[in-house]
Amino acid sequence: MFLNYIKEFFVKKSLKNNLSNENDKVFSRNVQTIGLLIDESNFEDSESLIKELTLQGIALENIKVVAYEAKFKEKAIYLRPTFGKKHISWNGEIAENFLNEFINLEFDVLLSYYDVENVFLMMITNKSKAKFKVGFSNVDNRLNRLMINTELQNYKLFISELFRYLKNIK
């Protein structure tokens, strides 16, 4: 328990040192690829969220999903690539291949679908090479270019607001 607290402290320190507000990437075309970073500890409707994205015209094969579980169990079977605290080292380095692949993909949009500041999720968002990052307004505003003020469970409103803003940006 105490070691988890210390680990979070060091990861938060690493995040703070590396926190960059990269607003210089240009977003000038239709959204075709989406990275979806979900905190499945707090949100259990991820399938409905993905379905809502497909209803907006995003092809299912162009949506890459990574989930976070606070109580990650090694032997449990997860529906999608899932990580926990143990997959990020004390200095913020990522030990899992699928996470490194996710970070290095240049998505048109990265949806950081978590509304509680979690240093492990924030680290993934910060390291992502996505062109445009979107998240909730109650998470550190230096992480995302667009922040939507809604509740986590109201995914339909979140997606409709997202696409309404994206149409206005272009």
C-alpha atoms as a PDB file:
ATOM      1  CA  MET A   1       0.000   0.000   0.000  1.00  0.00           C
ATOM      2  CA  PHE A   2       2.706   2.436   1.034  1.00  0.00           C
ATOM      3  CA  LEU A   3       4.837   1.415  -1.965  1.00  0.00           C
ATOM      4  CA  ASN A   4       1.930   2.166  -4.307  1.00  0.00           C
ATOM      5  CA  TYR A   5       1.706   5.658  -2.857  1.00  0.00           C
ATOM      6  CA  ILE A   6       5.443   6.207  -3.360  1.00  0.00           C
ATOM      7  CA  LYS A   7       5.250   4.849  -6.909  1.00  0.00           C
ATOM      8  CA  GLU A   8       2.375   7.228  -7.725  1.00  0.00           C
ATOM      9  CA  PHE A   9       4.414  10.090  -6.287  1.00  0.00           C
ATOM     10  CA  PHE A  10       7.397   9.341  -8.548  1.00  0.00           C
ATOM     11  CA  VAL A  11       5.233   8.786 -11.642  1.00  0.00           C
ATOM     12  CA  LYS A  12       3.450  12.085 -10.909  1.00  0.00           C
ATOM     13  CA  LYS A  13       6.819  13.809 -10.571  1.00  0.00           C
ATOM     14  CA  SER A  14       7.939  12.337 -13.901  1.00  0.00           C
ATOM     15  CA  LEU A  15       4.665  13.400 -15.515  1.00  0.00           C
ATOM     16  CA  LYS A  16       5.010  16.927 -14.166  1.00  0.00           C
ATOM     17  CA  ASN A  17       8.560  17.183 -15.540  1.00  0.00           C
ATOM     18  CA  ASN A  18       7.482  15.908 -18.971  1.00  0.00           C
ATOM     19  CA  LEU A  19       4.082  17.569 -19.186  1.00  0.00           C
ATOM     20  CA  SER A  20       3.954  19.330 -22.482  1.00  0.00           C
ATOM     21  CA  ASN A  21       1.103  21.212 -24.020  1.00  0.00           C
ATOM     22  CA  GLU A  22       1.693  20.367 -27.675  1.00  0.00           C
ATOM     23  CA  ASN A  23      -0.864  22.591 -29.338  1.00  0.00           C
ATOM     24  CA  ASP A  24       1.233  23.043 -32.454  1.00  0.00           C
ATOM     25  CA  LYS A  25       0.011  19.952 -34.299  1.00  0.00           C
ATOM     26  CA  VAL A  26      -2.310  20.800 -37.147  1.00  0.00           C
ATOM     27  CA  PHE A  27      -5.738  19.230 -37.380  1.00  0.00           C
ATOM     28  CA  SER A  28      -7.087  19.901 -40.854  1.00  0.00           C
ATOM     29  CA  ARG A  29      -8.940  16.876 -42.192  1.00  0.00           C
ATOM     30  CA  ASN A  30     -11.772  14.576 -41.324  1.00  0.00           C
ATOM     31  CA  VAL A  31     -11.317  12.285 -38.356  1.00  0.00           C
ATOM     32  CA  GLN A  32     -10.462   8.806 -39.539  1.00  0.00           C
ATOM     33  CA  THR A  33      -8.459   7.236 -36.704  1.00  0.00           C
ATOM     34  CA  ILE A  34      -9.273   7.429 -33.020  1.00  0.00           C
ATOM     35  CA  GLY A  35      -7.328   6.249 -30.010  1.00  0.00           C
ATOM     36  CA  LEU A  36      -9.525   5.552 -27.015  1.00  0.00           C
ATOM     37  CA  LEU A  37      -7.978   5.475 -23.539  1.00  0.00           C
ATOM     38  CA  ILE A  38     -10.617   4.292 -21.064  1.00  0.00           C
ATOM     39  CA  ASP A  39     -10.575   3.967 -17.290  1.00  0.00           C
ATOM     40  CA  GLU A  40     -12.629   0.800 -16.945  1.00  0.00           C
ATOM     41  CA  SER A  41     -12.386   1.033 -13.168  1.00  0.00           C
ATOM     42  CA  ASN A  42     -14.946   3.855 -13.305  1.00  0.00           C
ATOM     43  CA  PHE A  43     -16.667   3.345 -16.664  1.00  0.00           C
ATOM     44  CA  GLU A  44     -18.187   0.018 -17.702  1.00  0.00           C
ATOM     45  CA  ASP A  45     -20.021   1.038 -20.893  1.00  0.00           C
ATOM     46  CA  SER A  46     -17.022   1.036 -23.230  1.00  0.00           C
ATOM     47  CA  GLU A  47     -18.801  -1.073 -25.857  1.00  0.00           C
ATOM     48  CA  SER A  48     -21.602   1.510 -26.054  1.00  0.00           C
ATOM     49  CA  LEU A  49     -19.031   4.289 -26.329  1.00  0.00           C
ATOM     50  CA  ILE A  50     -17.337   2.515 -29.246  1.00  0.00           C
ATOM     51  CA  LYS A  51     -20.725   1.956 -30.894  1.00  0.00           C
ATOM     52  CA  GLU A  52     -21.477   5.682 -30.551  1.00  0.00           C
ATOM     53  CA  LEU A  53     -18.204   6.478 -32.338  1.00  0.00           C
ATOM     54  CA  THR A  54     -19.111   4.131 -35.195  1.00  0.00           C
ATOM     55  CA  LEU A  55     -22.494   5.862 -35.510  1.00  0.00           C
ATOM     56  CA  GLN A  56     -20.543   9.077 -36.166  1.00  0.00           C
ATOM     57  CA  GLY A  57     -18.918   7.469 -39.211  1.00  0.00           C
ATOM     58  CA  ILE A  58     -15.683   6.119 -37.723  1.00  0.00           C
ATOM     59  CA  ALA A  59     -14.871   2.617 -38.982  1.00  0.00           C
ATOM     60  CA  LEU A  60     -14.513   0.056 -36.194  1.00  0.00           C
ATOM     61  CA  GLU A  61     -11.071  -1.006 -37.463  1.00  0.00           C
ATOM     62  CA  ASN A  62      -9.891   2.627 -37.115  1.00  0.00           C
ATOM     63  CA  ILE A  63     -10.657   2.734 -33.386  1.00  0.00           C
ATOM     64  CA  LYS A  64      -7.831   1.485 -31.191  1.00  0.00           C
ATOM     65  CA  VAL A  65      -8.786   0.945 -27.555  1.00  0.00           C
ATOM     66  CA  VAL A  66      -6.616   0.602 -24.455  1.00  0.00           C
ATOM     67  CA  ALA A  67      -8.171   0.186 -21.018  1.00  0.00           C
ATOM     68  CA  TYR A  68      -6.920   0.794 -17.505  1.00  0.00           C
ATOM     69  CA  GLU A  69      -7.924  -1.255 -14.466  1.00  0.00           C
ATOM     70  CA  ALA A  70      -7.015  -0.030 -10.983  1.00  0.00           C
ATOM     71  CA  LYS A  71      -7.113  -3.603  -9.691  1.00  0.00           C
ATOM     72  CA  PHE A  72      -5.400  -5.328 -12.601  1.00  0.00           C
ATOM     73  CA  LYS A  73      -5.338  -9.105 -12.247  1.00  0.00           C
ATOM     74  CA  GLU A  74      -2.673 -10.954 -14.183  1.00  0.00           C
ATOM     75  CA  LYS A  75      -4.756 -14.097 -14.720  1.00  0.00           C
ATOM     76  CA  ALA A  76      -7.996 -12.339 -15.585  1.00  0.00           C
ATOM     77  CA  ILE A  77      -9.213 -12.318 -19.183  1.00  0.00           C
ATOM     78  CA  TYR A  78      -9.944  -8.846 -20.533  1.00  0.00           C
ATOM     79  CA  LEU A  79     -11.904  -8.006 -23.684  1.00  0.00           C
ATOM     80  CA  ARG A  80      -9.346  -5.441 -24.852  1.00  0.00           C
ATOM     81  CA  PRO A  81      -5.702  -4.618 -24.127  1.00  0.00           C
ATOM     82  CA  THR A  82      -5.689  -3.641 -20.458  1.00  0.00           C
ATOM     83  CA  PHE A  83      -2.994  -2.314 -18.191  1.00  0.00           C
ATOM     84  CA  GLY A  84      -2.566  -1.451 -14.544  1.00  0.00           C
ATOM     85  CA  LYS A  85      -0.131   0.326 -12.255  1.00  0.00           C
ATOM     86  CA  LYS A  86       2.472  -2.380 -12.596  1.00  0.00           C
ATOM     87  CA  HIS A  87       2.910  -1.722 -16.332  1.00  0.00           C
ATOM     88  CA  ILE A  88       4.404   1.717 -15.700  1.00  0.00           C
ATOM     89  CA  SER A  89       7.689   1.924 -13.826  1.00  0.00           C
ATOM     90  CA  TRP A  90       8.606   4.310 -11.028  1.00  0.00           C
ATOM     91  CA  ASN A  91      10.210   6.758 -13.453  1.00  0.00           C
ATOM     92  CA  GLY A  92       7.269   6.716 -15.876  1.00  0.00           C
ATOM     93  CA  GLU A  93       8.680   4.212 -18.363  1.00  0.00           C
ATOM     94  CA  ILE A  94       6.183   1.876 -20.000  1.00  0.00           C
ATOM     95  CA  ALA A  95       6.962  -1.821 -19.861  1.00  0.00           C
ATOM     96  CA  GLU A  96       4.162  -3.213 -22.031  1.00  0.00           C
ATOM     97  CA  ASN A  97       4.495  -3.513 -25.838  1.00  0.00           C
ATOM     98  CA  PHE A  98       0.835  -2.805 -26.656  1.00  0.00           C
ATOM     99  CA  LEU A  99       1.015   0.422 -24.629  1.00  0.00           C
ATOM    100  CA  ASN A 100       4.140   1.577 -26.460  1.00  0.00           C
ATOM    101  CA  GLU A 101       2.455   0.806 -29.798  1.00  0.00           C
ATOM    102  CA  PHE A 102      -0.632   2.755 -28.718  1.00  0.00           C
ATOM    103  CA  ILE A 103       1.452   5.760 -27.686  1.00  0.00           C
ATOM    104  CA  ASN A 104       3.436   5.814 -30.933  1.00  0.00           C
ATOM    105  CA  LEU A 105       0.420   5.679 -33.267  1.00  0.00           C
ATOM    106  CA  GLU A 106      -0.441   9.095 -34.723  1.00  0.00           C
ATOM    107  CA  PHE A 107      -4.188   9.066 -34.237  1.00  0.00           C
ATOM    108  CA  ASP A 108      -6.244  11.907 -35.640  1.00  0.00           C
ATOM    109  CA  VAL A 109      -7.908  12.129 -32.210  1.00  0.00           C
ATOM    110  CA  LEU A 110      -7.060  10.639 -28.827  1.00  0.00           C
ATOM    111  CA  LEU A 111     -10.052  10.386 -26.495  1.00  0.00           C
ATOM    112  CA  SER A 112      -8.885  10.307 -22.891  1.00  0.00           C
ATOM    113  CA  TYR A 113     -12.084   8.900 -21.447  1.00  0.00           C
ATOM    114  CA  TYR A 114     -11.492   9.357 -17.721  1.00  0.00           C
ATOM    115  CA  ASP A 115     -12.691  12.149 -15.456  1.00  0.00           C
ATOM    116  CA  VAL A 116     -10.535  11.516 -12.400  1.00  0.00           C
ATOM    117  CA  GLU A 117      -6.891  12.557 -12.365  1.00  0.00           C
ATOM    118  CA  ASN A 118      -5.020   9.273 -12.457  1.00  0.00           C
ATOM    119  CA  VAL A 119      -1.269   9.646 -12.989  1.00  0.00           C
ATOM    120  CA  PHE A 120      -0.991   6.406 -14.953  1.00  0.00           C
ATOM    121  CA  LEU A 121      -3.702   7.411 -17.437  1.00  0.00           C
ATOM    122  CA  MET A 122      -2.368  10.955 -17.593  1.00  0.00           C
ATOM    123  CA  MET A 123       1.102   9.603 -18.395  1.00  0.00           C
ATOM    124  CA  ILE A 124      -0.273   7.665 -21.384  1.00  0.00           C
ATOM    125  CA  THR A 125      -2.203  10.722 -22.594  1.00  0.00           C
ATOM    126  CA  ASN A 126       0.852  12.931 -22.272  1.00  0.00           C
ATOM    127  CA  LYS A 127       3.155  10.531 -24.131  1.00  0.00           C
ATOM    128  CA  SER A 128       0.696   9.888 -26.964  1.00  0.00           C
ATOM    129  CA  LYS A 129       1.657  11.158 -30.407  1.00  0.00           C
ATOM    130  CA  ALA A 130      -1.969  11.839 -31.375  1.00  0.00           C
ATOM    131  CA  LYS A 131      -2.613  14.974 -33.429  1.00  0.00           C
ATOM    132  CA  PHE A 132      -5.550  16.161 -31.328  1.00  0.00           C
ATOM    133  CA  LYS A 133      -6.263  15.182 -27.712  1.00  0.00           C
ATOM    134  CA  VAL A 134      -9.706  15.381 -26.134  1.00  0.00           C
ATOM    135  CA  GLY A 135     -10.676  14.762 -22.528  1.00  0.00           C
ATOM    136  CA  PHE A 136     -12.813  15.857 -19.625  1.00  0.00           C
ATOM    137  CA  SER A 137     -12.643  19.363 -18.201  1.00  0.00           C
ATOM    138  CA  ASN A 138     -11.920  18.212 -14.645  1.00  0.00           C
ATOM    139  CA  VAL A 139      -8.589  16.629 -15.669  1.00  0.00           C
ATOM    140  CA  ASP A 140      -5.423  18.752 -15.995  1.00  0.00           C
ATOM    141  CA  ASN A 141      -6.013  21.171 -18.880  1.00  0.00           C
ATOM    142  CA  ARG A 142      -2.401  20.919 -20.095  1.00  0.00           C
ATOM    143  CA  LEU A 143      -3.018  17.374 -21.351  1.00  0.00           C
ATOM    144  CA  ASN A 144      -5.771  17.999 -23.884  1.00  0.00           C
ATOM    145  CA  ARG A 145      -6.503  20.576 -26.562  1.00  0.00           C
ATOM    146  CA  LEU A 146     -10.246  20.173 -26.171  1.00  0.00           C
ATOM    147  CA  MET A 147     -11.951  19.586 -22.846  1.00  0.00           C
ATOM    148  CA  ILE A 148     -15.604  18.665 -22.633  1.00  0.00           C
ATOM    149  CA  ASN A 149     -17.592  19.408 -19.492  1.00  0.00           C
ATOM    150  CA  THR A 150     -19.927  16.456 -19.003  1.00  0.00           C
ATOM    151  CA  GLU A 151     -20.309  13.414 -16.792  1.00  0.00           C
ATOM    152  CA  LEU A 152     -18.422  10.195 -17.463  1.00  0.00           C
ATOM    153  CA  GLN A 153     -21.602   8.122 -17.787  1.00  0.00           C
ATOM    154  CA  ASN A 154     -23.122  10.482 -20.371  1.00  0.00           C
ATOM    155  CA  TYR A 155     -21.045   9.189 -23.297  1.00  0.00           C
ATOM    156  CA  LYS A 156     -23.650  10.113 -25.946  1.00  0.00           C
ATOM    157  CA  LEU A 157     -23.441  13.791 -25.021  1.00  0.00           C
ATOM    158  CA  PHE A 158     -19.631  13.595 -24.906  1.00  0.00           C
ATOM    159  CA  ILE A 159     -19.431  12.148 -28.444  1.00  0.00           C
ATOM    160  CA  SER A 160     -22.025  14.525 -29.897  1.00  0.00           C
ATOM    161  CA  GLU A 161     -20.213  17.538 -28.381  1.00  0.00           C
ATOM    162  CA  LEU A 162     -16.894  16.210 -29.661  1.00  0.00           C
ATOM    163  CA  PHE A 163     -18.064  15.911 -33.250  1.00  0.00           C
ATOM    164  CA  ARG A 164     -19.900  19.238 -33.087  1.00  0.00           C
ATOM    165  CA  TYR A 165     -16.637  20.948 -32.074  1.00  0.00           C
ATOM    166  CA  LEU A 166     -14.589  19.040 -34.633  1.00  0.00           C
ATOM    167  CA  LYS A 167     -16.894  20.229 -37.419  1.00  0.00           C
ATOM    168  CA  ASN A 168     -16.446  23.819 -36.233  1.00  0.00           C
ATOM    169  CA  ILE A 169     -12.660  23.507 -36.053  1.00  0.00           C
ATOM    170  CA  LYS A 170     -12.346  22.453 -39.697  1.00  0.00           C
END
